[in-house]
């Protein structure tokens, strides 16, 4: 009896997607995660740090995470995210206004 492969094989693309397909896929995903609301777009951001479950969760969350993702790094990440999101208003309206595939 053979054991099942623990890592399923993921087929790889032989050629990269064309730029218009990548842009369309990105925009469709973006719009699903950040729906239109009255007066604009609802933006959501979530950073999950640590293990949510498993037998090593206490060890990972109490010993490993603080060493790899310190309070200083967390504050820098939040600052970066706010600065990056602040730039969206410069280009998102044009992207939303453009027809798909343009």
PDB file of N, CA and C in Angstrom:
ATOM      1  N   UNK A   1       0.839  -1.171   0.000  1.00  0.00           N
ATOM      2  CA  UNK A   1       0.000   0.000   0.000  1.00  0.00           C
ATOM      3  C   UNK A   1       0.892   1.246   0.000  1.00  0.00           C
ATOM      4  N   UNK A   2       0.650   2.157  -0.932  1.00  0.00           N
ATOM      5  CA  UNK A   2       1.462   3.373  -0.994  1.00  0.00           C
ATOM      6  C   UNK A   2       0.823   4.471  -0.160  1.00  0.00           C
ATOM      7  N   UNK A   3       1.680   5.283   0.433  1.00  0.00           N
ATOM      8  CA  UNK A   3       1.210   6.399   1.241  1.00  0.00           C
ATOM      9  C   UNK A   3       0.824   7.556   0.317  1.00  0.00           C
ATOM     10  N   UNK A   4      -0.200   8.301   0.684  1.00  0.00           N
ATOM     11  CA  UNK A   4      -0.553   9.464  -0.133  1.00  0.00           C
ATOM     12  C   UNK A   4       0.538  10.526  -0.038  1.00  0.00           C
ATOM     13  N   UNK A   5       0.718  11.247  -1.119  1.00  0.00           N
ATOM     14  CA  UNK A   5       1.711  12.312  -1.155  1.00  0.00           C
ATOM     15  C   UNK A   5       1.277  13.413  -0.192  1.00  0.00           C
ATOM     16  N   UNK A   6       2.101  13.740   0.829  1.00  0.00           N
ATOM     17  CA  UNK A   6       1.688  14.747   1.798  1.00  0.00           C
ATOM     18  C   UNK A   6       1.596  16.144   1.197  1.00  0.00           C
ATOM     19  N   UNK A   7       2.358  16.408   0.148  1.00  0.00           N
ATOM     20  CA  UNK A   7       2.326  17.712  -0.505  1.00  0.00           C
ATOM     21  C   UNK A   7       1.722  17.550  -1.884  1.00  0.00           C
ATOM     22  N   UNK A   8       0.493  18.022  -2.083  1.00  0.00           N
ATOM     23  CA  UNK A   8      -0.085  17.886  -3.418  1.00  0.00           C
ATOM     24  C   UNK A   8       0.697  18.724  -4.423  1.00  0.00           C
ATOM     25  N   UNK A   9       0.814  18.209  -5.615  1.00  0.00           N
ATOM     26  CA  UNK A   9       1.538  18.904  -6.675  1.00  0.00           C
ATOM     27  C   UNK A   9       0.658  20.029  -7.207  1.00  0.00           C
ATOM     28  N   UNK A  10       1.227  21.204  -7.278  1.00  0.00           N
ATOM     29  CA  UNK A  10       0.522  22.354  -7.827  1.00  0.00           C
ATOM     30  C   UNK A  10       1.056  22.589  -9.230  1.00  0.00           C
ATOM     31  N   UNK A  11       0.173  22.545 -10.223  1.00  0.00           N
ATOM     32  CA  UNK A  11       0.673  22.750 -11.582  1.00  0.00           C
ATOM     33  C   UNK A  11       1.223  24.155 -11.747  1.00  0.00           C
ATOM     34  N   UNK A  12       2.358  24.257 -12.424  1.00  0.00           N
ATOM     35  CA  UNK A  12       2.976  25.551 -12.676  1.00  0.00           C
ATOM     36  C   UNK A  12       2.649  26.017 -14.082  1.00  0.00           C
ATOM     37  N   UNK A  13       2.490  27.318 -14.212  1.00  0.00           N
ATOM     38  CA  UNK A  13       2.249  27.887 -15.536  1.00  0.00           C
ATOM     39  C   UNK A  13       3.525  27.823 -16.351  1.00  0.00           C
ATOM     40  N   UNK A  14       3.387  27.427 -17.598  1.00  0.00           N
ATOM     41  CA  UNK A  14       4.557  27.385 -18.479  1.00  0.00           C
ATOM     42  C   UNK A  14       4.913  28.786 -18.956  1.00  0.00           C
ATOM     43  N   UNK A  15       3.884  29.644 -19.125  1.00  0.00           N
ATOM     44  CA  UNK A  15       4.124  31.021 -19.553  1.00  0.00           C
ATOM     45  C   UNK A  15       3.433  31.953 -18.569  1.00  0.00           C
ATOM     46  N   UNK A  16       4.016  33.134 -18.334  1.00  0.00           N
ATOM     47  CA  UNK A  16       3.342  34.080 -17.449  1.00  0.00           C
ATOM     48  C   UNK A  16       2.046  34.580 -18.078  1.00  0.00           C
ATOM     49  N   UNK A  17       1.127  34.990 -17.210  1.00  0.00           N
ATOM     50  CA  UNK A  17      -0.132  35.552 -17.697  1.00  0.00           C
ATOM     51  C   UNK A  17       0.137  36.877 -18.400  1.00  0.00           C
ATOM     52  N   UNK A  18      -0.639  37.180 -19.444  1.00  0.00           N
ATOM     53  CA  UNK A  18      -0.485  38.488 -20.084  1.00  0.00           C
ATOM     54  C   UNK A  18      -0.803  39.608 -19.092  1.00  0.00           C
ATOM     55  N   UNK A  19      -0.224  40.776 -19.309  1.00  0.00           N
ATOM     56  CA  UNK A  19      -0.387  41.895 -18.378  1.00  0.00           C
ATOM     57  C   UNK A  19      -1.847  42.255 -18.173  1.00  0.00           C
ATOM     58  N   UNK A  20      -2.671  42.243 -19.225  1.00  0.00           N
ATOM     59  CA  UNK A  20      -4.073  42.629 -19.059  1.00  0.00           C
ATOM     60  C   UNK A  20      -4.821  41.617 -18.204  1.00  0.00           C
ATOM     61  N   UNK A  21      -4.479  40.331 -18.298  1.00  0.00           N
ATOM     62  CA  UNK A  21      -5.113  39.295 -17.475  1.00  0.00           C
ATOM     63  C   UNK A  21      -4.683  39.452 -16.013  1.00  0.00           C
ATOM     64  N   UNK A  22      -3.401  39.741 -15.789  1.00  0.00           N
ATOM     65  CA  UNK A  22      -2.921  39.955 -14.415  1.00  0.00           C
ATOM     66  C   UNK A  22      -3.639  41.149 -13.790  1.00  0.00           C
ATOM     67  N   UNK A  23      -3.767  42.234 -14.559  1.00  0.00           N
ATOM     68  CA  UNK A  23      -4.429  43.434 -14.044  1.00  0.00           C
ATOM     69  C   UNK A  23      -5.900  43.148 -13.749  1.00  0.00           C
ATOM     70  N   UNK A  24      -6.566  42.448 -14.658  1.00  0.00           N
ATOM     71  CA  UNK A  24      -7.980  42.135 -14.464  1.00  0.00           C
ATOM     72  C   UNK A  24      -8.163  41.253 -13.222  1.00  0.00           C
ATOM     73  N   UNK A  25      -7.323  40.223 -13.072  1.00  0.00           N
ATOM     74  CA  UNK A  25      -7.406  39.340 -11.903  1.00  0.00           C
ATOM     75  C   UNK A  25      -7.155  40.114 -10.612  1.00  0.00           C
ATOM     76  N   UNK A  26      -6.158  41.006 -10.643  1.00  0.00           N
ATOM     77  CA  UNK A  26      -5.847  41.812  -9.466  1.00  0.00           C
ATOM     78  C   UNK A  26      -7.040  42.678  -9.089  1.00  0.00           C
ATOM     79  N   UNK A  27      -7.618  43.362 -10.079  1.00  0.00           N
ATOM     80  CA  UNK A  27      -8.741  44.259  -9.798  1.00  0.00           C
ATOM     81  C   UNK A  27      -9.956  43.503  -9.299  1.00  0.00           C
ATOM     82  N   UNK A  28     -10.229  42.335  -9.872  1.00  0.00           N
ATOM     83  CA  UNK A  28     -11.370  41.543  -9.408  1.00  0.00           C
ATOM     84  C   UNK A  28     -11.168  41.123  -7.959  1.00  0.00           C
ATOM     85  N   UNK A  29      -9.964  40.686  -7.625  1.00  0.00           N
ATOM     86  CA  UNK A  29      -9.659  40.309  -6.246  1.00  0.00           C
ATOM     87  C   UNK A  29      -9.733  41.506  -5.312  1.00  0.00           C
ATOM     88  N   UNK A  30      -9.196  42.630  -5.760  1.00  0.00           N
ATOM     89  CA  UNK A  30      -9.226  43.858  -4.953  1.00  0.00           C
ATOM     90  C   UNK A  30     -10.658  44.256  -4.642  1.00  0.00           C
ATOM     91  N   UNK A  31     -11.518  44.235  -5.656  1.00  0.00           N
ATOM     92  CA  UNK A  31     -12.906  44.667  -5.465  1.00  0.00           C
ATOM     93  C   UNK A  31     -13.671  43.709  -4.550  1.00  0.00           C
ATOM     94  N   UNK A  32     -13.323  42.425  -4.568  1.00  0.00           N
ATOM     95  CA  UNK A  32     -13.967  41.479  -3.654  1.00  0.00           C
ATOM     96  C   UNK A  32     -13.578  41.784  -2.210  1.00  0.00           C
ATOM     97  N   UNK A  33     -12.308  42.076  -1.983  1.00  0.00           N
ATOM     98  CA  UNK A  33     -11.823  42.336  -0.626  1.00  0.00           C
ATOM     99  C   UNK A  33     -12.172  43.732  -0.138  1.00  0.00           C
ATOM    100  N   UNK A  34     -12.318  44.674  -1.057  1.00  0.00           N
ATOM    101  CA  UNK A  34     -12.553  46.069  -0.716  1.00  0.00           C
ATOM    102  C   UNK A  34     -13.759  46.574  -1.504  1.00  0.00           C
ATOM    103  N   UNK A  35     -14.966  46.272  -1.015  1.00  0.00           N
ATOM    104  CA  UNK A  35     -16.169  46.579  -1.789  1.00  0.00           C
ATOM    105  C   UNK A  35     -16.466  48.079  -1.877  1.00  0.00           C
ATOM    106  N   UNK A  36     -17.179  48.448  -2.932  1.00  0.00           N
ATOM    107  CA  UNK A  36     -17.648  49.817  -3.069  1.00  0.00           C
ATOM    108  C   UNK A  36     -18.651  50.110  -1.961  1.00  0.00           C
ATOM    109  N   UNK A  37     -18.547  51.297  -1.401  1.00  0.00           N
ATOM    110  CA  UNK A  37     -19.510  51.778  -0.413  1.00  0.00           C
ATOM    111  C   UNK A  37     -19.890  53.200  -0.816  1.00  0.00           C
ATOM    112  N   UNK A  38     -20.927  53.725  -0.204  1.00  0.00           N
ATOM    113  CA  UNK A  38     -21.347  55.079  -0.535  1.00  0.00           C
ATOM    114  C   UNK A  38     -20.190  56.049  -0.294  1.00  0.00           C
ATOM    115  N   UNK A  39     -19.805  56.756  -1.329  1.00  0.00           N
ATOM    116  CA  UNK A  39     -18.738  57.750  -1.216  1.00  0.00           C
ATOM    117  C   UNK A  39     -17.334  57.210  -1.402  1.00  0.00           C
ATOM    118  N   UNK A  40     -17.178  55.938  -1.743  1.00  0.00           N
ATOM    119  CA  UNK A  40     -15.824  55.432  -1.961  1.00  0.00           C
ATOM    120  C   UNK A  40     -15.720  53.929  -1.902  1.00  0.00           C
ATOM    121  N   UNK A  41     -14.630  53.472  -1.321  1.00  0.00           N
ATOM    122  CA  UNK A  41     -14.315  52.051  -1.235  1.00  0.00           C
ATOM    123  C   UNK A  41     -13.961  51.737   0.210  1.00  0.00           C
ATOM    124  N   UNK A  42     -14.447  50.614   0.698  1.00  0.00           N
ATOM    125  CA  UNK A  42     -14.092  50.166   2.046  1.00  0.00           C
ATOM    126  C   UNK A  42     -12.783  49.411   1.950  1.00  0.00           C
ATOM    127  N   UNK A  43     -11.771  49.860   2.686  1.00  0.00           N
ATOM    128  CA  UNK A  43     -10.458  49.207   2.667  1.00  0.00           C
ATOM    129  C   UNK A  43     -10.284  48.412   3.947  1.00  0.00           C
ATOM    130  N   UNK A  44      -9.841  47.171   3.799  1.00  0.00           N
ATOM    131  CA  UNK A  44      -9.590  46.304   4.959  1.00  0.00           C
ATOM    132  C   UNK A  44      -8.140  45.843   4.929  1.00  0.00           C
ATOM    133  N   UNK A  45      -7.559  45.795   6.091  1.00  0.00           N
ATOM    134  CA  UNK A  45      -6.194  45.298   6.214  1.00  0.00           C
ATOM    135  C   UNK A  45      -6.117  44.445   7.468  1.00  0.00           C
ATOM    136  N   UNK A  46      -5.432  43.326   7.361  1.00  0.00           N
ATOM    137  CA  UNK A  46      -5.325  42.429   8.500  1.00  0.00           C
ATOM    138  C   UNK A  46      -3.942  41.776   8.482  1.00  0.00           C
ATOM    139  N   UNK A  47      -3.258  41.841   9.579  1.00  0.00           N
ATOM    140  CA  UNK A  47      -1.971  41.168   9.707  1.00  0.00           C
ATOM    141  C   UNK A  47      -2.092  40.129  10.820  1.00  0.00           C
ATOM    142  N   UNK A  48      -1.923  38.888  10.480  1.00  0.00           N
ATOM    143  CA  UNK A  48      -1.971  37.813  11.462  1.00  0.00           C
ATOM    144  C   UNK A  48      -0.543  37.389  11.764  1.00  0.00           C
ATOM    145  N   UNK A  49      -0.177  37.491  13.013  1.00  0.00           N
ATOM    146  CA  UNK A  49       1.181  37.149  13.417  1.00  0.00           C
ATOM    147  C   UNK A  49       1.094  36.062  14.474  1.00  0.00           C
ATOM    148  N   UNK A  50       1.770  34.949  14.218  1.00  0.00           N
ATOM    149  CA  UNK A  50       1.763  33.860  15.180  1.00  0.00           C
ATOM    150  C   UNK A  50       0.936  32.688  14.694  1.00  0.00           C
ATOM    151  N   UNK A  51       0.814  31.705  15.545  1.00  0.00           N
ATOM    152  CA  UNK A  51       0.074  30.487  15.218  1.00  0.00           C
ATOM    153  C   UNK A  51      -1.312  30.548  15.855  1.00  0.00           C
ATOM    154  N   UNK A  52      -2.338  30.227  15.059  1.00  0.00           N
ATOM    155  CA  UNK A  52      -3.710  30.249  15.565  1.00  0.00           C
ATOM    156  C   UNK A  52      -4.083  28.951  16.259  1.00  0.00           C
ATOM    157  N   UNK A  53      -3.427  27.861  15.889  1.00  0.00           N
ATOM    158  CA  UNK A  53      -3.759  26.576  16.497  1.00  0.00           C
ATOM    159  C   UNK A  53      -2.556  25.646  16.384  1.00  0.00           C
ATOM    160  N   UNK A  54      -2.705  24.501  16.944  1.00  0.00           N
ATOM    161  CA  UNK A  54      -1.651  23.487  16.869  1.00  0.00           C
ATOM    162  C   UNK A  54      -0.940  23.310  18.187  1.00  0.00           C
ATOM    163  N   UNK A  55      -0.269  22.182  18.334  1.00  0.00           N
ATOM    164  CA  UNK A  55       0.374  21.877  19.612  1.00  0.00           C
ATOM    165  C   UNK A  55       1.531  22.823  19.955  1.00  0.00           C
ATOM    166  N   UNK A  56       2.146  23.441  18.950  1.00  0.00           N
ATOM    167  CA  UNK A  56       3.270  24.347  19.217  1.00  0.00           C
ATOM    168  C   UNK A  56       2.845  25.807  19.349  1.00  0.00           C
ATOM    169  N   UNK A  57       1.542  26.066  19.281  1.00  0.00           N
ATOM    170  CA  UNK A  57       1.038  27.445  19.342  1.00  0.00           C
ATOM    171  C   UNK A  57       1.571  28.222  20.543  1.00  0.00           C
ATOM    172  N   UNK A  58       1.486  27.694  21.772  1.00  0.00           N
ATOM    173  CA  UNK A  58       1.984  28.475  22.914  1.00  0.00           C
ATOM    174  C   UNK A  58       3.481  28.813  22.795  1.00  0.00           C
ATOM    175  N   UNK A  59       4.258  27.847  22.352  1.00  0.00           N
ATOM    176  CA  UNK A  59       5.698  28.074  22.204  1.00  0.00           C
ATOM    177  C   UNK A  59       5.976  29.125  21.135  1.00  0.00           C
ATOM    178  N   UNK A  60       5.344  28.966  19.984  1.00  0.00           N
ATOM    179  CA  UNK A  60       5.556  29.907  18.875  1.00  0.00           C
ATOM    180  C   UNK A  60       5.130  31.311  19.278  1.00  0.00           C
ATOM    181  N   UNK A  61       3.939  31.430  19.840  1.00  0.00           N
ATOM    182  CA  UNK A  61       3.405  32.750  20.152  1.00  0.00           C
ATOM    183  C   UNK A  61       4.113  33.442  21.315  1.00  0.00           C
ATOM    184  N   UNK A  62       4.641  32.681  22.253  1.00  0.00           N
ATOM    185  CA  UNK A  62       5.281  33.313  23.405  1.00  0.00           C
ATOM    186  C   UNK A  62       6.782  33.507  23.228  1.00  0.00           C
ATOM    187  N   UNK A  63       7.435  32.648  22.441  1.00  0.00           N
ATOM    188  CA  UNK A  63       8.889  32.752  22.314  1.00  0.00           C
ATOM    189  C   UNK A  63       9.370  33.191  20.928  1.00  0.00           C
ATOM    190  N   UNK A  64       8.813  32.606  19.896  1.00  0.00           N
ATOM    191  CA  UNK A  64       9.324  32.865  18.541  1.00  0.00           C
ATOM    192  C   UNK A  64       8.812  34.200  17.998  1.00  0.00           C
ATOM    193  N   UNK A  65       7.516  34.432  18.096  1.00  0.00           N
ATOM    194  CA  UNK A  65       6.931  35.650  17.510  1.00  0.00           C
ATOM    195  C   UNK A  65       7.555  36.925  18.085  1.00  0.00           C
ATOM    196  N   UNK A  66       7.694  37.066  19.396  1.00  0.00           N
ATOM    197  CA  UNK A  66       8.289  38.310  19.907  1.00  0.00           C
ATOM    198  C   UNK A  66       9.708  38.566  19.389  1.00  0.00           C
ATOM    199  N   UNK A  67      10.441  37.524  19.104  1.00  0.00           N
ATOM    200  CA  UNK A  67      11.804  37.707  18.588  1.00  0.00           C
ATOM    201  C   UNK A  67      11.800  38.096  17.105  1.00  0.00           C
ATOM    202  N   UNK A  68      10.847  37.572  16.343  1.00  0.00           N
ATOM    203  CA  UNK A  68      10.805  37.841  14.903  1.00  0.00           C
ATOM    204  C   UNK A  68       9.954  39.061  14.555  1.00  0.00           C
ATOM    205  N   UNK A  69       8.974  39.384  15.386  1.00  0.00           N
ATOM    206  CA  UNK A  69       8.059  40.488  15.092  1.00  0.00           C
ATOM    207  C   UNK A  69       7.899  41.319  16.363  1.00  0.00           C
ATOM    208  N   UNK A  70       8.911  42.097  16.661  1.00  0.00           N
ATOM    209  CA  UNK A  70       8.937  42.891  17.891  1.00  0.00           C
ATOM    210  C   UNK A  70       7.899  44.008  17.840  1.00  0.00           C
ATOM    211  N   UNK A  71       7.676  44.661  18.981  1.00  0.00           N
ATOM    212  CA  UNK A  71       6.767  45.805  19.027  1.00  0.00           C
ATOM    213  C   UNK A  71       7.239  46.905  18.077  1.00  0.00           C
ATOM    214  N   UNK A  72       8.548  47.118  18.018  1.00  0.00           N
ATOM    215  CA  UNK A  72       9.100  48.137  17.121  1.00  0.00           C
ATOM    216  C   UNK A  72       8.780  47.797  15.658  1.00  0.00           C
ATOM    217  N   UNK A  73       8.940  46.537  15.299  1.00  0.00           N
ATOM    218  CA  UNK A  73       8.638  46.110  13.929  1.00  0.00           C
ATOM    219  C   UNK A  73       7.140  46.225  13.647  1.00  0.00           C
ATOM    220  N   UNK A  74       6.311  45.904  14.628  1.00  0.00           N
ATOM    221  CA  UNK A  74       4.858  46.014  14.445  1.00  0.00           C
ATOM    222  C   UNK A  74       4.463  47.471  14.218  1.00  0.00           C
ATOM    223  N   UNK A  75       5.035  48.397  14.991  1.00  0.00           N
ATOM    224  CA  UNK A  75       4.726  49.826  14.795  1.00  0.00           C
ATOM    225  C   UNK A  75       5.196  50.298  13.424  1.00  0.00           C
ATOM    226  N   UNK A  76       6.378  49.849  12.996  1.00  0.00           N
ATOM    227  CA  UNK A  76       6.886  50.230  11.667  1.00  0.00           C
ATOM    228  C   UNK A  76       5.978  49.678  10.573  1.00  0.00           C
ATOM    229  N   UNK A  77       5.494  48.456  10.756  1.00  0.00           N
ATOM    230  CA  UNK A  77       4.585  47.859   9.763  1.00  0.00           C
ATOM    231  C   UNK A  77       3.285  48.665   9.667  1.00  0.00           C
ATOM    232  N   UNK A  78       2.714  49.032  10.813  1.00  0.00           N
ATOM    233  CA  UNK A  78       1.489  49.825  10.811  1.00  0.00           C
ATOM    234  C   UNK A  78       1.714  51.187  10.149  1.00  0.00           C
ATOM    235  N   UNK A  79       2.823  51.834  10.473  1.00  0.00           N
ATOM    236  CA  UNK A  79       3.135  53.137   9.867  1.00  0.00           C
ATOM    237  C   UNK A  79       3.261  52.989   8.346  1.00  0.00           C
ATOM    238  N   UNK A  80       3.977  51.968   7.911  1.00  0.00           N
ATOM    239  CA  UNK A  80       4.130  51.716   6.471  1.00  0.00           C
ATOM    240  C   UNK A  80       2.773  51.502   5.818  1.00  0.00           C
ATOM    241  N   UNK A  81       1.906  50.724   6.450  1.00  0.00           N
ATOM    242  CA  UNK A  81       0.600  50.428   5.879  1.00  0.00           C
ATOM    243  C   UNK A  81      -0.233  51.705   5.740  1.00  0.00           C
ATOM    244  N   UNK A  82      -0.222  52.563   6.749  1.00  0.00           N
ATOM    245  CA  UNK A  82      -0.973  53.818   6.686  1.00  0.00           C
ATOM    246  C   UNK A  82      -0.430  54.708   5.572  1.00  0.00           C
ATOM    247  N   UNK A  83       0.891  54.796   5.453  1.00  0.00           N
ATOM    248  CA  UNK A  83       1.490  55.622   4.400  1.00  0.00           C
ATOM    249  C   UNK A  83       1.149  55.074   3.015  1.00  0.00           C
ATOM    250  N   UNK A  84       1.211  53.763   2.879  1.00  0.00           N
ATOM    251  CA  UNK A  84       0.919  53.138   1.581  1.00  0.00           C
ATOM    252  C   UNK A  84      -0.543  53.349   1.198  1.00  0.00           C
ATOM    253  N   UNK A  85      -1.449  53.126   2.130  1.00  0.00           N
ATOM    254  CA  UNK A  85      -2.873  53.294   1.861  1.00  0.00           C
ATOM    255  C   UNK A  85      -3.180  54.753   1.552  1.00  0.00           C
ATOM    256  N   UNK A  86      -2.451  55.668   2.169  1.00  0.00           N
ATOM    257  CA  UNK A  86      -2.653  57.083   1.898  1.00  0.00           C
ATOM    258  C   UNK A  86      -2.382  57.459   0.452  1.00  0.00           C
ATOM    259  N   UNK A  87      -1.611  56.637  -0.246  1.00  0.00           N
ATOM    260  CA  UNK A  87      -1.304  56.900  -1.661  1.00  0.00           C
ATOM    261  C   UNK A  87      -2.392  56.386  -2.600  1.00  0.00           C
ATOM    262  N   UNK A  88      -3.275  55.536  -2.119  1.00  0.00           N
ATOM    263  CA  UNK A  88      -4.294  54.932  -2.990  1.00  0.00           C
ATOM    264  C   UNK A  88      -5.138  55.986  -3.703  1.00  0.00           C
ATOM    265  N   UNK A  89      -5.459  57.060  -3.004  1.00  0.00           N
ATOM    266  CA  UNK A  89      -6.327  58.065  -3.611  1.00  0.00           C
ATOM    267  C   UNK A  89      -5.687  58.710  -4.837  1.00  0.00           C
ATOM    268  N   UNK A  90      -4.369  58.546  -4.987  1.00  0.00           N
ATOM    269  CA  UNK A  90      -3.679  59.121  -6.140  1.00  0.00           C
ATOM    270  C   UNK A  90      -3.889  58.309  -7.423  1.00  0.00           C
ATOM    271  N   UNK A  91      -4.166  57.001  -7.292  1.00  0.00           N
ATOM    272  CA  UNK A  91      -4.274  56.189  -8.513  1.00  0.00           C
ATOM    273  C   UNK A  91      -5.498  55.280  -8.590  1.00  0.00           C
ATOM    274  N   UNK A  92      -6.114  54.938  -7.464  1.00  0.00           N
ATOM    275  CA  UNK A  92      -7.256  54.029  -7.524  1.00  0.00           C
ATOM    276  C   UNK A  92      -8.431  54.562  -8.335  1.00  0.00           C
ATOM    277  N   UNK A  93      -8.793  55.848  -8.238  1.00  0.00           N
ATOM    278  CA  UNK A  93      -9.909  56.318  -9.052  1.00  0.00           C
ATOM    279  C   UNK A  93      -9.701  56.074 -10.550  1.00  0.00           C
ATOM    280  N   UNK A  94      -8.486  56.284 -11.037  1.00  0.00           N
ATOM    281  CA  UNK A  94      -8.191  56.056 -12.460  1.00  0.00           C
ATOM    282  C   UNK A  94      -8.302  54.576 -12.810  1.00  0.00           C
ATOM    283  N   UNK A  95      -7.831  53.715 -11.912  1.00  0.00           N
ATOM    284  CA  UNK A  95      -7.899  52.268 -12.178  1.00  0.00           C
ATOM    285  C   UNK A  95      -9.352  51.816 -12.213  1.00  0.00           C
ATOM    286  N   UNK A  96     -10.149  52.277 -11.261  1.00  0.00           N
ATOM    287  CA  UNK A  96     -11.562  51.885 -11.242  1.00  0.00           C
ATOM    288  C   UNK A  96     -12.312  52.414 -12.457  1.00  0.00           C
ATOM    289  N   UNK A  97     -11.924  53.591 -12.936  1.00  0.00           N
ATOM    290  CA  UNK A  97     -12.621  54.201 -14.073  1.00  0.00           C
ATOM    291  C   UNK A  97     -12.262  53.529 -15.397  1.00  0.00           C
ATOM    292  N   UNK A  98     -11.090  52.891 -15.462  1.00  0.00           N
ATOM    293  CA  UNK A  98     -10.645  52.274 -16.713  1.00  0.00           C
ATOM    294  C   UNK A  98     -11.447  51.015 -17.001  1.00  0.00           C
ATOM    295  N   UNK A  99     -11.796  50.786 -18.289  1.00  0.00           N
ATOM    296  CA  UNK A  99     -12.498  49.539 -18.614  1.00  0.00           C
ATOM    297  C   UNK A  99     -11.602  48.334 -18.406  1.00  0.00           C
ATOM    298  N   UNK A 100     -12.175  47.172 -18.054  1.00  0.00           N
ATOM    299  CA  UNK A 100     -11.352  45.961 -17.846  1.00  0.00           C
ATOM    300  C   UNK A 100     -10.515  45.650 -19.086  1.00  0.00           C
ATOM    301  N   UNK A 101      -9.277  45.257 -18.836  1.00  0.00           N
ATOM    302  CA  UNK A 101      -8.369  44.887 -19.924  1.00  0.00           C
ATOM    303  C   UNK A 101      -7.667  46.043 -20.579  1.00  0.00           C
ATOM    304  N   UNK A 102      -7.874  47.278 -20.044  1.00  0.00           N
ATOM    305  CA  UNK A 102      -7.212  48.419 -20.670  1.00  0.00           C
ATOM    306  C   UNK A 102      -5.866  48.684 -20.036  1.00  0.00           C
TER     307      UNK A 102
END
